[in-house]
Amino acid sequence: MKFYPAFLNLKGKRTVVLGGGRVAERKALTLLKSGASVKIVSPAVTSRLEQLADRGKIIIIKRAFKPGDLKGAFLVIAATSSLDANIRAAKEAGALINVADMPSEGNFIAPSIIKRGALTIAISTEGASPALSKAIRKELEKLYGAEFAAYLKFVESVRRTAIKKITDVNKREKFLRSLASEKIFTAIRCKGLRAVTKEITASLETVIK
């Protein structure tokens, strides 16, 4: 099965997670971070999910999945311990649905993700080997540490200044490309973020002059 890679805007969207175990918890937390409205349907849930419900962050319906639970949902994740329930949910869903452990039963898969501020890196093997996706994710996590979140925020600010103050189009484009060069990435890892941002700021002032 071939998949089309996409990033979804789930802010305010109604989502349903079937299941209340660790997998369901992880899925629910990811949905919450994306701004989605989350409903859990499961006879039992983890203590973390209970806490989220107590704080009004999610809604929990403590019973097994039944027809009608997915009505109005924009996205569904079937992560119950019952293969039969997951397959029934996949057949009923008139929305995007991910079936944990049985990706072929759904119409989308959730990739392994690295999140560094506004930077998101997604890795997928199209369901061929989730373990390989996880291994690659761990390798990339070492290459792109927390400093890249701060660097991206810095670049966003510098880019605005460059667009506004560097009037020469060629010089501006050359400067902006330099912010995303392999040389810069290596410098961040070797010299540290502070040293790199200081050099870029000095370079920007030179180009503006």
N, C-alpha and C. Protein backbone atom coordinates (compact mmCIF):
# COMPACT_ATOMS: atom_id res chain seq x y z
N MET A 1 0.84 -1.20 0.00
CA MET A 1 0.00 0.00 0.00
C MET A 1 0.87 1.25 0.00
N LYS A 2 0.56 2.21 -0.87
CA LYS A 2 1.30 3.45 -0.94
C LYS A 2 0.54 4.55 -0.20
N PHE A 3 1.27 5.39 0.49
CA PHE A 3 0.65 6.45 1.27
C PHE A 3 1.10 7.82 0.79
N TYR A 4 0.21 8.80 0.92
CA TYR A 4 0.52 10.18 0.57
C TYR A 4 0.90 10.91 1.86
N PRO A 5 2.13 11.38 1.97
CA PRO A 5 2.56 12.06 3.21
C PRO A 5 1.91 13.43 3.34
N ALA A 6 1.41 13.74 4.52
CA ALA A 6 0.76 15.03 4.75
C ALA A 6 0.80 15.39 6.23
N PHE A 7 0.77 16.69 6.53
CA PHE A 7 0.65 17.16 7.90
C PHE A 7 -0.74 17.78 8.04
N LEU A 8 -1.52 17.33 9.03
CA LEU A 8 -2.90 17.76 9.17
C LEU A 8 -3.05 18.86 10.22
N ASN A 9 -3.93 19.80 9.94
CA ASN A 9 -4.30 20.82 10.92
C ASN A 9 -5.49 20.27 11.71
N LEU A 10 -5.25 19.86 12.94
CA LEU A 10 -6.30 19.25 13.75
C LEU A 10 -6.87 20.19 14.81
N LYS A 11 -6.50 21.46 14.76
CA LYS A 11 -6.97 22.40 15.77
C LYS A 11 -8.49 22.44 15.80
N GLY A 12 -9.04 22.07 16.96
CA GLY A 12 -10.48 22.09 17.14
C GLY A 12 -11.23 20.95 16.48
N LYS A 13 -10.51 20.06 15.81
CA LYS A 13 -11.15 18.94 15.13
C LYS A 13 -11.55 17.84 16.13
N ARG A 14 -12.69 17.20 15.88
CA ARG A 14 -13.15 16.13 16.75
C ARG A 14 -12.43 14.83 16.40
N THR A 15 -11.77 14.23 17.38
CA THR A 15 -11.06 12.97 17.17
C THR A 15 -11.49 11.95 18.22
N VAL A 16 -11.43 10.69 17.84
CA VAL A 16 -11.82 9.61 18.75
C VAL A 16 -10.70 8.58 18.82
N VAL A 17 -10.34 8.19 20.04
CA VAL A 17 -9.35 7.13 20.24
C VAL A 17 -10.07 5.97 20.90
N LEU A 18 -10.06 4.82 20.25
CA LEU A 18 -10.65 3.61 20.81
C LEU A 18 -9.56 2.83 21.53
N GLY A 19 -9.75 2.62 22.82
CA GLY A 19 -8.72 1.95 23.62
C GLY A 19 -8.22 2.88 24.71
N GLY A 20 -7.74 2.29 25.79
CA GLY A 20 -7.28 3.13 26.90
C GLY A 20 -5.94 2.73 27.47
N GLY A 21 -5.19 1.91 26.71
CA GLY A 21 -3.88 1.46 27.18
C GLY A 21 -2.77 2.43 26.84
N ARG A 22 -1.52 1.95 26.90
CA ARG A 22 -0.36 2.82 26.67
C ARG A 22 -0.32 3.36 25.24
N VAL A 23 -0.68 2.53 24.28
CA VAL A 23 -0.67 2.98 22.89
C VAL A 23 -1.71 4.08 22.70
N ALA A 24 -2.91 3.84 23.23
CA ALA A 24 -3.98 4.84 23.13
C ALA A 24 -3.58 6.13 23.84
N GLU A 25 -2.93 6.00 24.97
CA GLU A 25 -2.47 7.18 25.72
C GLU A 25 -1.50 8.00 24.88
N ARG A 26 -0.54 7.32 24.26
CA ARG A 26 0.45 8.01 23.43
C ARG A 26 -0.21 8.72 22.25
N LYS A 27 -1.16 8.05 21.63
CA LYS A 27 -1.88 8.64 20.50
C LYS A 27 -2.68 9.86 20.95
N ALA A 28 -3.35 9.73 22.10
CA ALA A 28 -4.17 10.82 22.61
C ALA A 28 -3.33 12.06 22.94
N LEU A 29 -2.17 11.84 23.52
CA LEU A 29 -1.29 12.96 23.86
C LEU A 29 -0.81 13.69 22.61
N THR A 30 -0.51 12.92 21.57
CA THR A 30 -0.08 13.53 20.30
C THR A 30 -1.20 14.36 19.70
N LEU A 31 -2.42 13.85 19.77
CA LEU A 31 -3.57 14.58 19.25
C LEU A 31 -3.81 15.86 20.03
N LEU A 32 -3.68 15.78 21.34
CA LEU A 32 -3.86 16.97 22.19
C LEU A 32 -2.84 18.05 21.85
N LYS A 33 -1.58 17.64 21.65
CA LYS A 33 -0.54 18.60 21.31
C LYS A 33 -0.81 19.27 19.96
N SER A 34 -1.60 18.60 19.13
CA SER A 34 -1.94 19.15 17.82
C SER A 34 -3.17 20.05 17.89
N GLY A 35 -3.75 20.17 19.07
CA GLY A 35 -4.90 21.05 19.24
C GLY A 35 -6.24 20.40 18.99
N ALA A 36 -6.26 19.07 18.87
CA ALA A 36 -7.51 18.37 18.59
C ALA A 36 -8.38 18.22 19.84
N SER A 37 -9.67 18.01 19.60
CA SER A 37 -10.61 17.67 20.66
C SER A 37 -10.62 16.15 20.73
N VAL A 38 -10.31 15.58 21.91
CA VAL A 38 -10.11 14.13 22.01
C VAL A 38 -11.15 13.45 22.88
N LYS A 39 -11.73 12.38 22.33
CA LYS A 39 -12.65 11.54 23.09
C LYS A 39 -12.07 10.13 23.11
N ILE A 40 -12.04 9.53 24.30
CA ILE A 40 -11.55 8.16 24.48
C ILE A 40 -12.75 7.26 24.74
N VAL A 41 -12.80 6.11 24.05
CA VAL A 41 -13.85 5.13 24.31
C VAL A 41 -13.16 3.83 24.72
N SER A 42 -13.31 3.46 25.98
CA SER A 42 -12.66 2.24 26.49
C SER A 42 -13.19 1.90 27.88
N PRO A 43 -13.37 0.61 28.19
CA PRO A 43 -13.84 0.22 29.52
C PRO A 43 -12.85 0.62 30.62
N ALA A 44 -11.57 0.61 30.29
CA ALA A 44 -10.54 0.98 31.27
C ALA A 44 -9.50 1.86 30.59
N VAL A 45 -8.92 2.78 31.35
CA VAL A 45 -7.91 3.69 30.79
C VAL A 45 -6.74 3.83 31.75
N THR A 46 -5.64 4.36 31.26
CA THR A 46 -4.45 4.55 32.10
C THR A 46 -4.69 5.70 33.07
N SER A 47 -3.88 5.75 34.11
CA SER A 47 -4.01 6.82 35.11
C SER A 47 -3.75 8.19 34.48
N ARG A 48 -2.85 8.23 33.49
CA ARG A 48 -2.54 9.50 32.81
C ARG A 48 -3.78 10.02 32.08
N LEU A 49 -4.49 9.13 31.42
CA LEU A 49 -5.71 9.53 30.72
C LEU A 49 -6.79 9.98 31.72
N GLU A 50 -6.86 9.29 32.85
CA GLU A 50 -7.81 9.68 33.90
C GLU A 50 -7.52 11.11 34.36
N GLN A 51 -6.24 11.41 34.54
CA GLN A 51 -5.84 12.75 34.99
C GLN A 51 -6.21 13.81 33.97
N LEU A 52 -6.02 13.49 32.70
CA LEU A 52 -6.36 14.44 31.64
C LEU A 52 -7.87 14.70 31.61
N ALA A 53 -8.64 13.65 31.85
CA ALA A 53 -10.10 13.80 31.88
C ALA A 53 -10.53 14.65 33.08
N ASP A 54 -9.90 14.42 34.22
CA ASP A 54 -10.22 15.18 35.43
C ASP A 54 -9.94 16.67 35.24
N ARG A 55 -8.95 16.96 34.41
CA ARG A 55 -8.58 18.37 34.14
C ARG A 55 -9.37 18.95 32.97
N GLY A 56 -10.28 18.16 32.41
CA GLY A 56 -11.11 18.64 31.33
C GLY A 56 -10.42 18.69 29.98
N LYS A 57 -9.29 18.01 29.86
CA LYS A 57 -8.54 18.03 28.61
C LYS A 57 -9.10 17.06 27.57
N ILE A 58 -9.67 15.96 28.05
CA ILE A 58 -10.25 14.96 27.15
C ILE A 58 -11.56 14.46 27.73
N ILE A 59 -12.32 13.75 26.90
CA ILE A 59 -13.56 13.12 27.36
C ILE A 59 -13.37 11.61 27.31
N ILE A 60 -13.77 10.94 28.37
CA ILE A 60 -13.65 9.48 28.42
C ILE A 60 -15.03 8.85 28.54
N ILE A 61 -15.32 7.89 27.68
CA ILE A 61 -16.55 7.10 27.77
C ILE A 61 -16.13 5.69 28.16
N LYS A 62 -16.43 5.29 29.38
CA LYS A 62 -15.94 4.02 29.90
C LYS A 62 -16.85 2.84 29.54
N ARG A 63 -16.68 2.39 28.34
CA ARG A 63 -17.36 1.18 27.87
C ARG A 63 -16.71 0.76 26.58
N ALA A 64 -17.10 -0.41 26.10
CA ALA A 64 -16.55 -0.90 24.83
C ALA A 64 -17.12 -0.11 23.66
N PHE A 65 -16.40 -0.10 22.58
CA PHE A 65 -16.84 0.58 21.38
C PHE A 65 -18.13 0.00 20.85
N LYS A 66 -19.03 0.89 20.40
CA LYS A 66 -20.26 0.43 19.78
C LYS A 66 -20.62 1.35 18.61
N PRO A 67 -21.44 0.88 17.69
CA PRO A 67 -21.81 1.68 16.52
C PRO A 67 -22.32 3.07 16.93
N GLY A 68 -21.89 4.07 16.22
CA GLY A 68 -22.33 5.44 16.52
C GLY A 68 -21.28 6.25 17.24
N ASP A 69 -20.26 5.58 17.84
CA ASP A 69 -19.23 6.30 18.60
C ASP A 69 -18.35 7.19 17.71
N LEU A 70 -18.30 6.87 16.44
CA LEU A 70 -17.40 7.60 15.55
C LEU A 70 -18.11 8.71 14.76
N LYS A 71 -19.40 8.88 15.02
CA LYS A 71 -20.18 9.87 14.28
C LYS A 71 -19.61 11.27 14.48
N GLY A 72 -19.36 11.97 13.39
CA GLY A 72 -18.87 13.35 13.46
C GLY A 72 -17.37 13.48 13.67
N ALA A 73 -16.67 12.36 13.78
CA ALA A 73 -15.22 12.42 14.01
C ALA A 73 -14.48 12.75 12.71
N PHE A 74 -13.50 13.62 12.83
CA PHE A 74 -12.65 13.95 11.68
C PHE A 74 -11.55 12.90 11.53
N LEU A 75 -11.09 12.38 12.67
CA LEU A 75 -10.00 11.40 12.68
C LEU A 75 -10.22 10.39 13.79
N VAL A 76 -9.94 9.14 13.50
CA VAL A 76 -10.14 8.06 14.47
C VAL A 76 -8.88 7.22 14.58
N ILE A 77 -8.57 6.81 15.80
CA ILE A 77 -7.47 5.87 16.02
C ILE A 77 -8.01 4.67 16.78
N ALA A 78 -7.92 3.51 16.17
CA ALA A 78 -8.39 2.28 16.80
C ALA A 78 -7.20 1.58 17.44
N ALA A 79 -7.15 1.62 18.76
CA ALA A 79 -6.01 1.04 19.48
C ALA A 79 -6.49 0.18 20.64
N THR A 80 -7.55 -0.59 20.40
CA THR A 80 -8.04 -1.49 21.44
C THR A 80 -7.23 -2.78 21.41
N SER A 81 -7.44 -3.62 22.41
CA SER A 81 -6.76 -4.92 22.44
C SER A 81 -7.52 -5.96 21.64
N SER A 82 -8.68 -5.54 21.10
CA SER A 82 -9.53 -6.45 20.32
C SER A 82 -9.37 -6.18 18.83
N LEU A 83 -8.82 -7.15 18.12
CA LEU A 83 -8.66 -7.01 16.67
C LEU A 83 -10.01 -6.84 15.99
N ASP A 84 -10.99 -7.57 16.49
CA ASP A 84 -12.34 -7.50 15.92
C ASP A 84 -12.93 -6.09 16.05
N ALA A 85 -12.76 -5.50 17.23
CA ALA A 85 -13.28 -4.14 17.46
C ALA A 85 -12.57 -3.14 16.56
N ASN A 86 -11.26 -3.30 16.41
CA ASN A 86 -10.50 -2.39 15.55
C ASN A 86 -10.96 -2.48 14.10
N ILE A 87 -11.21 -3.69 13.63
CA ILE A 87 -11.65 -3.88 12.25
C ILE A 87 -13.06 -3.34 12.05
N ARG A 88 -13.95 -3.55 13.04
CA ARG A 88 -15.31 -3.02 12.95
C ARG A 88 -15.29 -1.49 12.90
N ALA A 89 -14.38 -0.90 13.68
CA ALA A 89 -14.26 0.56 13.69
C ALA A 89 -13.78 1.06 12.33
N ALA A 90 -12.83 0.34 11.74
CA ALA A 90 -12.30 0.72 10.43
C ALA A 90 -13.39 0.71 9.37
N LYS A 91 -14.31 -0.27 9.48
CA LYS A 91 -15.39 -0.38 8.50
C LYS A 91 -16.45 0.70 8.71
N GLU A 92 -16.66 1.11 9.97
CA GLU A 92 -17.68 2.10 10.27
C GLU A 92 -17.22 3.53 10.01
N ALA A 93 -15.95 3.78 10.24
CA ALA A 93 -15.44 5.15 10.18
C ALA A 93 -15.64 5.80 8.82
N GLY A 94 -16.25 6.97 8.84
CA GLY A 94 -16.38 7.73 7.60
C GLY A 94 -15.38 8.86 7.62
N ALA A 95 -14.22 8.56 8.20
CA ALA A 95 -13.20 9.59 8.42
C ALA A 95 -11.82 8.96 8.26
N LEU A 96 -10.83 9.75 8.55
CA LEU A 96 -9.47 9.22 8.59
C LEU A 96 -9.37 8.26 9.76
N ILE A 97 -8.84 7.06 9.53
CA ILE A 97 -8.71 6.11 10.63
C ILE A 97 -7.38 5.37 10.55
N ASN A 98 -6.74 5.30 11.71
CA ASN A 98 -5.50 4.55 11.86
C ASN A 98 -5.78 3.36 12.78
N VAL A 99 -5.43 2.18 12.31
CA VAL A 99 -5.64 0.98 13.12
C VAL A 99 -4.28 0.50 13.62
N ALA A 100 -4.08 0.60 14.93
CA ALA A 100 -2.81 0.20 15.52
C ALA A 100 -2.54 -1.28 15.26
N ASP A 101 -1.32 -1.59 14.89
CA ASP A 101 -0.85 -2.96 14.62
C ASP A 101 -1.44 -3.59 13.35
N MET A 102 -2.42 -2.93 12.74
CA MET A 102 -3.01 -3.44 11.50
C MET A 102 -3.21 -2.28 10.52
N PRO A 103 -2.12 -1.64 10.10
CA PRO A 103 -2.24 -0.44 9.26
C PRO A 103 -3.01 -0.64 7.97
N SER A 104 -3.00 -1.87 7.45
CA SER A 104 -3.70 -2.13 6.19
C SER A 104 -5.21 -2.01 6.33
N GLU A 105 -5.73 -2.09 7.56
CA GLU A 105 -7.17 -1.98 7.80
C GLU A 105 -7.64 -0.53 7.81
N GLY A 106 -6.70 0.41 8.00
CA GLY A 106 -7.07 1.83 8.05
C GLY A 106 -6.74 2.53 6.74
N ASN A 107 -6.89 3.86 6.73
CA ASN A 107 -6.56 4.61 5.52
C ASN A 107 -5.43 5.61 5.73
N PHE A 108 -4.82 5.60 6.93
CA PHE A 108 -3.59 6.37 7.12
C PHE A 108 -2.76 5.72 8.21
N ILE A 109 -1.47 6.01 8.18
CA ILE A 109 -0.56 5.51 9.21
C ILE A 109 0.10 6.70 9.89
N ALA A 110 0.50 6.50 11.13
CA ALA A 110 1.16 7.56 11.89
C ALA A 110 2.66 7.29 11.87
N PRO A 111 3.45 8.21 11.32
CA PRO A 111 4.89 8.00 11.24
C PRO A 111 5.59 8.19 12.58
N SER A 112 6.83 7.75 12.66
CA SER A 112 7.66 8.08 13.81
C SER A 112 8.02 9.55 13.68
N ILE A 113 7.93 10.29 14.78
CA ILE A 113 8.10 11.75 14.69
C ILE A 113 9.19 12.26 15.63
N ILE A 114 9.93 13.24 15.12
CA ILE A 114 10.89 13.99 15.92
C ILE A 114 10.38 15.42 15.94
N LYS A 115 10.17 15.98 17.11
CA LYS A 115 9.64 17.34 17.22
C LYS A 115 10.67 18.22 17.93
N ARG A 116 11.09 19.26 17.25
CA ARG A 116 12.03 20.23 17.80
C ARG A 116 11.46 21.62 17.57
N GLY A 117 10.59 22.05 18.47
CA GLY A 117 9.93 23.33 18.28
C GLY A 117 9.06 23.27 17.04
N ALA A 118 9.27 24.22 16.12
CA ALA A 118 8.49 24.25 14.88
C ALA A 118 8.98 23.23 13.86
N LEU A 119 10.11 22.60 14.16
CA LEU A 119 10.66 21.59 13.24
C LEU A 119 10.06 20.22 13.54
N THR A 120 9.47 19.61 12.52
CA THR A 120 8.92 18.27 12.64
C THR A 120 9.52 17.38 11.57
N ILE A 121 10.10 16.26 12.00
CA ILE A 121 10.66 15.29 11.06
C ILE A 121 9.86 14.00 11.20
N ALA A 122 9.28 13.54 10.10
CA ALA A 122 8.47 12.33 10.13
C ALA A 122 9.16 11.22 9.34
N ILE A 123 9.17 10.02 9.91
CA ILE A 123 9.80 8.87 9.26
C ILE A 123 8.78 7.75 9.10
N SER A 124 8.70 7.20 7.90
CA SER A 124 7.75 6.12 7.65
C SER A 124 8.35 5.07 6.73
N THR A 125 8.00 3.82 6.99
CA THR A 125 8.37 2.72 6.09
C THR A 125 7.10 2.17 5.44
N GLU A 126 6.02 2.97 5.46
CA GLU A 126 4.71 2.57 4.92
C GLU A 126 4.21 1.26 5.54
N GLY A 127 4.53 1.09 6.82
CA GLY A 127 4.05 -0.08 7.55
C GLY A 127 4.91 -1.32 7.39
N ALA A 128 5.96 -1.25 6.54
CA ALA A 128 6.79 -2.42 6.31
C ALA A 128 7.59 -2.82 7.54
N SER A 129 8.07 -1.82 8.29
CA SER A 129 8.85 -2.12 9.48
C SER A 129 8.83 -0.95 10.46
N PRO A 130 7.85 -0.92 11.37
CA PRO A 130 7.80 0.13 12.39
C PRO A 130 9.08 0.19 13.22
N ALA A 131 9.73 -0.97 13.41
CA ALA A 131 10.97 -1.02 14.18
C ALA A 131 12.08 -0.23 13.50
N LEU A 132 12.13 -0.31 12.16
CA LEU A 132 13.14 0.43 11.41
C LEU A 132 12.87 1.93 11.50
N SER A 133 11.61 2.32 11.43
CA SER A 133 11.25 3.73 11.58
C SER A 133 11.72 4.26 12.93
N LYS A 134 11.52 3.46 13.96
CA LYS A 134 11.91 3.85 15.31
C LYS A 134 13.44 3.97 15.41
N ALA A 135 14.16 3.04 14.80
CA ALA A 135 15.62 3.06 14.85
C ALA A 135 16.18 4.30 14.14
N ILE A 136 15.58 4.63 12.99
CA ILE A 136 16.01 5.81 12.24
C ILE A 136 15.68 7.08 13.03
N ARG A 137 14.53 7.07 13.68
CA ARG A 137 14.14 8.22 14.50
C ARG A 137 15.17 8.48 15.60
N LYS A 138 15.59 7.41 16.27
CA LYS A 138 16.57 7.55 17.35
C LYS A 138 17.90 8.10 16.82
N GLU A 139 18.27 7.68 15.62
CA GLU A 139 19.51 8.17 15.03
C GLU A 139 19.40 9.66 14.70
N LEU A 140 18.27 10.05 14.14
CA LEU A 140 18.06 11.46 13.78
C LEU A 140 17.91 12.34 15.02
N GLU A 141 17.39 11.78 16.11
CA GLU A 141 17.25 12.55 17.35
C GLU A 141 18.61 13.01 17.86
N LYS A 142 19.64 12.20 17.61
CA LYS A 142 20.99 12.57 18.02
C LYS A 142 21.55 13.69 17.13
N LEU A 143 21.17 13.66 15.85
CA LEU A 143 21.66 14.67 14.91
C LEU A 143 20.97 16.00 15.09
N TYR A 144 19.68 15.94 15.42
CA TYR A 144 18.90 17.17 15.56
C TYR A 144 18.39 17.29 17.00
N GLY A 145 19.25 17.84 17.85
CA GLY A 145 18.92 17.98 19.26
C GLY A 145 18.04 19.19 19.53
N ALA A 146 17.83 19.46 20.81
CA ALA A 146 16.95 20.55 21.23
C ALA A 146 17.43 21.91 20.73
N GLU A 147 18.74 22.03 20.46
CA GLU A 147 19.27 23.31 20.00
C GLU A 147 18.70 23.73 18.65
N PHE A 148 18.21 22.76 17.88
CA PHE A 148 17.66 23.10 16.57
C PHE A 148 16.29 23.79 16.69
N ALA A 149 15.60 23.55 17.80
CA ALA A 149 14.33 24.26 18.03
C ALA A 149 14.63 25.74 18.24
N ALA A 150 15.65 26.02 19.05
CA ALA A 150 16.05 27.41 19.31
C ALA A 150 16.62 28.06 18.05
N TYR A 151 17.36 27.26 17.27
CA TYR A 151 17.96 27.81 16.04
C TYR A 151 16.86 28.20 15.04
N LEU A 152 15.86 27.37 14.90
CA LEU A 152 14.79 27.66 13.97
C LEU A 152 14.04 28.94 14.38
N LYS A 153 13.85 29.12 15.65
CA LYS A 153 13.19 30.33 16.15
C LYS A 153 14.05 31.55 15.83
N PHE A 154 15.36 31.40 15.99
CA PHE A 154 16.31 32.48 15.67
C PHE A 154 16.26 32.80 14.17
N VAL A 155 16.26 31.75 13.35
CA VAL A 155 16.24 31.92 11.89
C VAL A 155 14.97 32.65 11.45
N GLU A 156 13.86 32.33 12.08
CA GLU A 156 12.59 32.99 11.74
C GLU A 156 12.70 34.50 11.92
N SER A 157 13.33 34.90 13.02
CA SER A 157 13.51 36.32 13.31
C SER A 157 14.49 36.97 12.33
N VAL A 158 15.62 36.29 12.10
CA VAL A 158 16.65 36.82 11.20
C VAL A 158 16.12 36.93 9.78
N ARG A 159 15.33 35.96 9.37
CA ARG A 159 14.77 35.97 8.02
C ARG A 159 13.89 37.20 7.79
N ARG A 160 13.08 37.53 8.79
CA ARG A 160 12.22 38.71 8.68
C ARG A 160 13.05 39.98 8.50
N THR A 161 14.14 40.06 9.28
CA THR A 161 15.02 41.23 9.19
C THR A 161 15.70 41.30 7.83
N ALA A 162 16.17 40.14 7.36
CA ALA A 162 16.88 40.09 6.08
C ALA A 162 15.96 40.51 4.93
N ILE A 163 14.73 40.01 4.94
CA ILE A 163 13.78 40.34 3.87
C ILE A 163 13.47 41.84 3.86
N LYS A 164 13.44 42.41 5.05
CA LYS A 164 13.10 43.82 5.17
C LYS A 164 14.27 44.75 4.83
N LYS A 165 15.50 44.34 5.21
CA LYS A 165 16.62 45.27 5.12
C LYS A 165 17.66 45.00 4.02
N ILE A 166 17.71 43.77 3.51
CA ILE A 166 18.66 43.49 2.41
C ILE A 166 17.92 43.73 1.09
N THR A 167 18.17 44.84 0.51
CA THR A 167 17.43 45.23 -0.71
C THR A 167 17.92 44.52 -1.97
N ASP A 168 19.20 44.13 -2.00
CA ASP A 168 19.74 43.43 -3.16
C ASP A 168 19.21 41.98 -3.14
N VAL A 169 18.45 41.62 -4.14
CA VAL A 169 17.80 40.30 -4.19
C VAL A 169 18.81 39.16 -4.14
N ASN A 170 19.89 39.26 -4.92
CA ASN A 170 20.89 38.18 -4.96
C ASN A 170 21.58 38.01 -3.62
N LYS A 171 21.94 39.14 -3.00
CA LYS A 171 22.60 39.07 -1.69
C LYS A 171 21.65 38.50 -0.64
N ARG A 172 20.39 38.89 -0.74
CA ARG A 172 19.40 38.41 0.22
C ARG A 172 19.20 36.90 0.11
N GLU A 173 19.05 36.41 -1.13
CA GLU A 173 18.87 34.98 -1.34
C GLU A 173 20.08 34.17 -0.89
N LYS A 174 21.27 34.71 -1.16
CA LYS A 174 22.50 34.03 -0.76
C LYS A 174 22.60 33.94 0.75
N PHE A 175 22.24 35.02 1.43
CA PHE A 175 22.27 35.03 2.89
C PHE A 175 21.27 34.04 3.46
N LEU A 176 20.04 34.04 2.94
CA LEU A 176 19.00 33.14 3.45
C LEU A 176 19.36 31.68 3.24
N ARG A 177 19.98 31.37 2.09
CA ARG A 177 20.41 29.98 1.84
C ARG A 177 21.49 29.56 2.83
N SER A 178 22.34 30.50 3.21
CA SER A 178 23.43 30.17 4.13
C SER A 178 22.91 29.76 5.51
N LEU A 179 21.71 30.20 5.85
CA LEU A 179 21.14 29.87 7.15
C LEU A 179 20.76 28.40 7.26
N ALA A 180 20.62 27.74 6.10
CA ALA A 180 20.20 26.33 6.09
C ALA A 180 21.25 25.45 5.45
N SER A 181 22.51 25.83 5.57
CA SER A 181 23.58 25.07 4.94
C SER A 181 24.09 23.95 5.85
N GLU A 182 24.72 22.97 5.24
CA GLU A 182 25.33 21.88 6.01
C GLU A 182 26.42 22.42 6.92
N LYS A 183 27.09 23.46 6.44
CA LYS A 183 28.15 24.10 7.23
C LYS A 183 27.59 24.66 8.54
N ILE A 184 26.43 25.27 8.46
CA ILE A 184 25.80 25.82 9.66
C ILE A 184 25.39 24.72 10.62
N PHE A 185 24.82 23.63 10.10
CA PHE A 185 24.40 22.52 10.96
C PHE A 185 25.60 21.93 11.71
N THR A 186 26.71 21.78 10.99
CA THR A 186 27.92 21.24 11.60
C THR A 186 28.43 22.19 12.68
N ALA A 187 28.38 23.48 12.40
CA ALA A 187 28.85 24.47 13.36
C ALA A 187 28.01 24.47 14.63
N ILE A 188 26.70 24.30 14.47
CA ILE A 188 25.81 24.25 15.65
C ILE A 188 26.21 23.09 16.55
N ARG A 189 26.51 21.93 15.92
CA ARG A 189 26.88 20.75 16.71
C ARG A 189 28.27 20.85 17.33
N CYS A 190 29.17 21.54 16.64
CA CYS A 190 30.56 21.61 17.12
C CYS A 190 30.86 22.84 17.98
N LYS A 191 30.35 23.98 17.57
CA LYS A 191 30.64 25.23 18.28
C LYS A 191 29.58 25.60 19.31
N GLY A 192 28.38 25.13 19.08
CA GLY A 192 27.28 25.51 19.96
C GLY A 192 26.42 26.58 19.33
N LEU A 193 25.19 26.66 19.78
CA LEU A 193 24.22 27.58 19.20
C LEU A 193 24.59 29.05 19.39
N ARG A 194 25.06 29.39 20.57
CA ARG A 194 25.37 30.80 20.85
C ARG A 194 26.43 31.34 19.90
N ALA A 195 27.48 30.57 19.68
CA ALA A 195 28.56 31.02 18.79
C ALA A 195 28.05 31.20 17.36
N VAL A 196 27.20 30.28 16.93
CA VAL A 196 26.68 30.33 15.55
C VAL A 196 25.76 31.53 15.36
N THR A 197 24.84 31.76 16.30
CA THR A 197 23.93 32.89 16.16
C THR A 197 24.67 34.22 16.19
N LYS A 198 25.75 34.26 16.95
CA LYS A 198 26.57 35.48 17.02
C LYS A 198 27.22 35.75 15.66
N GLU A 199 27.73 34.70 15.03
CA GLU A 199 28.37 34.83 13.72
C GLU A 199 27.35 35.25 12.65
N ILE A 200 26.16 34.67 12.71
CA ILE A 200 25.13 35.00 11.73
C ILE A 200 24.67 36.44 11.88
N THR A 201 24.52 36.88 13.11
CA THR A 201 24.12 38.27 13.37
C THR A 201 25.15 39.25 12.81
N ALA A 202 26.42 38.93 13.02
CA ALA A 202 27.50 39.78 12.51
C ALA A 202 27.49 39.78 10.98
N SER A 203 27.24 38.61 10.40
CA SER A 203 27.19 38.49 8.94
C SER A 203 26.04 39.30 8.37
N LEU A 204 24.89 39.27 9.02
CA LEU A 204 23.73 40.02 8.57
C LEU A 204 24.01 41.52 8.59
N GLU A 205 24.65 41.99 9.65
CA GLU A 205 24.98 43.41 9.75
C GLU A 205 25.93 43.84 8.63
N THR A 206 26.84 42.94 8.28
CA THR A 206 27.79 43.23 7.20
C THR A 206 27.07 43.34 5.86
N VAL A 207 26.17 42.41 5.60
CA VAL A 207 25.43 42.42 4.33
C VAL A 207 24.53 43.65 4.22
N ILE A 208 23.91 44.03 5.32
CA ILE A 208 23.04 45.20 5.32
C ILE A 208 23.81 46.47 4.99
N LYS A 209 25.03 46.56 5.49
CA LYS A 209 25.86 47.74 5.22
C LYS A 209 26.21 47.78 3.74
